[in-house]
Amino acid sequence: MNLIVWLFVGGLIGWVASLMMRTDAQQGMFLNVIVGIVGAALAGWFISPLVGIPSINANSFSIGSLLVSLVGAVVLLAIVNLVRRGSVR
């Protein structure tokens, strides 16, 4: 059951991040899930220790952990856009 929640929340976070970065038209549902999960993992490793809030990967489901995961997904999309196009947007 935890895997289903993780995939759903990862997809939701990836979708919101793609809306914020204006890349939603370029990616589908599968890529949104991947961006959300990888972004949450990156946030858990790099951002969570800085702010002291666990990510959703640490089985901590709260507003703070969702925001940390969203920041990780946005940063991931910014890096991908920078490599692809040479600009963040």
C-alpha atoms as a PDB file:
ATOM      1  CA  MET A   1       0.000   0.000   0.000  1.00  0.00           C
ATOM      2  CA  ASN A   2       2.892   2.349   0.761  1.00  0.00           C
ATOM      3  CA  LEU A   3       4.159   1.971  -2.841  1.00  0.00           C
ATOM      4  CA  ILE A   4       0.801   3.072  -4.260  1.00  0.00           C
ATOM      5  CA  VAL A   5       0.717   6.174  -2.052  1.00  0.00           C
ATOM      6  CA  TRP A   6       4.347   6.926  -2.936  1.00  0.00           C
ATOM      7  CA  LEU A   7       3.592   6.694  -6.690  1.00  0.00           C
ATOM      8  CA  PHE A   8       0.448   8.814  -6.364  1.00  0.00           C
ATOM      9  CA  VAL A   9       2.138  11.533  -4.301  1.00  0.00           C
ATOM     10  CA  GLY A  10       5.185  11.438  -6.581  1.00  0.00           C
ATOM     11  CA  GLY A  11       2.954  11.909  -9.615  1.00  0.00           C
ATOM     12  CA  LEU A  12       1.117  14.772  -7.977  1.00  0.00           C
ATOM     13  CA  ILE A  13       4.348  16.505  -6.957  1.00  0.00           C
ATOM     14  CA  GLY A  14       5.850  15.964 -10.417  1.00  0.00           C
ATOM     15  CA  TRP A  15       2.728  17.392 -12.055  1.00  0.00           C
ATOM     16  CA  VAL A  16       2.722  20.503  -9.846  1.00  0.00           C
ATOM     17  CA  ALA A  17       6.458  20.992 -10.453  1.00  0.00           C
ATOM     18  CA  SER A  18       5.965  20.694 -14.214  1.00  0.00           C
ATOM     19  CA  LEU A  19       3.176  23.280 -14.047  1.00  0.00           C
ATOM     20  CA  MET A  20       5.442  25.632 -12.113  1.00  0.00           C
ATOM     21  CA  MET A  21       8.297  25.168 -14.589  1.00  0.00           C
ATOM     22  CA  ARG A  22       5.960  25.315 -17.630  1.00  0.00           C
ATOM     23  CA  THR A  23       7.006  21.896 -18.940  1.00  0.00           C
ATOM     24  CA  ASP A  24       3.657  20.150 -18.503  1.00  0.00           C
ATOM     25  CA  ALA A  25       2.893  20.038 -22.233  1.00  0.00           C
ATOM     26  CA  GLN A  26       6.179  18.215 -22.913  1.00  0.00           C
ATOM     27  CA  GLN A  27       5.792  15.363 -20.451  1.00  0.00           C
ATOM     28  CA  GLY A  28       3.131  12.820 -19.716  1.00  0.00           C
ATOM     29  CA  MET A  29       1.886  11.139 -16.585  1.00  0.00           C
ATOM     30  CA  PHE A  30       4.747   8.615 -16.444  1.00  0.00           C
ATOM     31  CA  LEU A  31       7.410  11.311 -16.600  1.00  0.00           C
ATOM     32  CA  ASN A  32       5.564  13.330 -13.934  1.00  0.00           C
ATOM     33  CA  VAL A  33       5.762  10.336 -11.587  1.00  0.00           C
ATOM     34  CA  ILE A  34       9.472   9.870 -12.329  1.00  0.00           C
ATOM     35  CA  VAL A  35      10.220  13.584 -11.784  1.00  0.00           C
ATOM     36  CA  GLY A  36       8.246  13.583  -8.520  1.00  0.00           C
ATOM     37  CA  ILE A  37       9.953  10.494  -7.116  1.00  0.00           C
ATOM     38  CA  VAL A  38      13.480  11.432  -8.202  1.00  0.00           C
ATOM     39  CA  GLY A  39      12.934  15.022  -7.042  1.00  0.00           C
ATOM     40  CA  ALA A  40      11.750  13.773  -3.648  1.00  0.00           C
ATOM     41  CA  ALA A  41      14.801  11.514  -3.396  1.00  0.00           C
ATOM     42  CA  LEU A  42      17.147  14.389  -4.240  1.00  0.00           C
ATOM     43  CA  ALA A  43      15.367  16.611  -1.741  1.00  0.00           C
ATOM     44  CA  GLY A  44      15.709  13.913   0.911  1.00  0.00           C
ATOM     45  CA  TRP A  45      19.450  13.748   0.397  1.00  0.00           C
ATOM     46  CA  PHE A  46      20.298  17.421  -0.079  1.00  0.00           C
ATOM     47  CA  ILE A  47      17.519  19.736   1.118  1.00  0.00           C
ATOM     48  CA  SER A  48      16.104  17.878   4.128  1.00  0.00           C
ATOM     49  CA  PRO A  49      19.311  18.016   6.211  1.00  0.00           C
ATOM     50  CA  LEU A  50      19.565  21.763   5.568  1.00  0.00           C
ATOM     51  CA  VAL A  51      16.038  22.612   6.723  1.00  0.00           C
ATOM     52  CA  GLY A  52      15.518  19.773   9.211  1.00  0.00           C
ATOM     53  CA  ILE A  53      12.306  18.483   7.621  1.00  0.00           C
ATOM     54  CA  PRO A  54      12.227  14.861   6.412  1.00  0.00           C
ATOM     55  CA  SER A  55      11.086  14.101   2.881  1.00  0.00           C
ATOM     56  CA  ILE A  56       8.263  11.737   1.958  1.00  0.00           C
ATOM     57  CA  ASN A  57      10.889   9.044   1.306  1.00  0.00           C
ATOM     58  CA  ALA A  58      11.504   8.839   5.060  1.00  0.00           C
ATOM     59  CA  ASN A  59       7.874   7.758   5.674  1.00  0.00           C
ATOM     60  CA  SER A  60       7.056  11.183   7.048  1.00  0.00           C
ATOM     61  CA  PHE A  61       3.905  12.515   5.432  1.00  0.00           C
ATOM     62  CA  SER A  62       3.327  16.171   6.288  1.00  0.00           C
ATOM     63  CA  ILE A  63       2.957  19.535   4.575  1.00  0.00           C
ATOM     64  CA  GLY A  64       6.639  20.247   5.196  1.00  0.00           C
ATOM     65  CA  SER A  65       7.726  16.985   3.595  1.00  0.00           C
ATOM     66  CA  LEU A  66       5.506  17.669   0.574  1.00  0.00           C
ATOM     67  CA  LEU A  67       7.051  21.124   0.177  1.00  0.00           C
ATOM     68  CA  VAL A  68      10.581  19.726   0.450  1.00  0.00           C
ATOM     69  CA  SER A  69       9.741  17.128  -2.202  1.00  0.00           C
ATOM     70  CA  LEU A  70       8.201  19.806  -4.436  1.00  0.00           C
ATOM     71  CA  VAL A  71      11.345  21.934  -4.161  1.00  0.00           C
ATOM     72  CA  GLY A  72      13.428  18.893  -5.114  1.00  0.00           C
ATOM     73  CA  ALA A  73      11.247  18.227  -8.175  1.00  0.00           C
ATOM     74  CA  VAL A  74      11.419  21.879  -9.277  1.00  0.00           C
ATOM     75  CA  VAL A  75      15.213  21.877  -8.897  1.00  0.00           C
ATOM     76  CA  LEU A  76      15.407  18.645 -10.903  1.00  0.00           C
ATOM     77  CA  LEU A  77      13.305  20.138 -13.720  1.00  0.00           C
ATOM     78  CA  ALA A  78      15.432  23.301 -13.682  1.00  0.00           C
ATOM     79  CA  ILE A  79      18.602  21.224 -14.065  1.00  0.00           C
ATOM     80  CA  VAL A  80      17.062  19.190 -16.904  1.00  0.00           C
ATOM     81  CA  ASN A  81      15.939  22.371 -18.677  1.00  0.00           C
ATOM     82  CA  LEU A  82      19.374  23.921 -18.217  1.00  0.00           C
ATOM     83  CA  VAL A  83      21.070  20.918 -19.802  1.00  0.00           C
ATOM     84  CA  ARG A  84      18.520  20.599 -22.634  1.00  0.00           C
ATOM     85  CA  ARG A  85      17.957  24.206 -23.629  1.00  0.00           C
ATOM     86  CA  GLY A  86      20.693  26.191 -21.975  1.00  0.00           C
ATOM     87  CA  SER A  87      18.183  28.114 -19.823  1.00  0.00           C
ATOM     88  CA  VAL A  88      16.180  27.300 -16.737  1.00  0.00           C
ATOM     89  CA  ARG A  89      12.838  27.943 -18.456  1.00  0.00           C
END
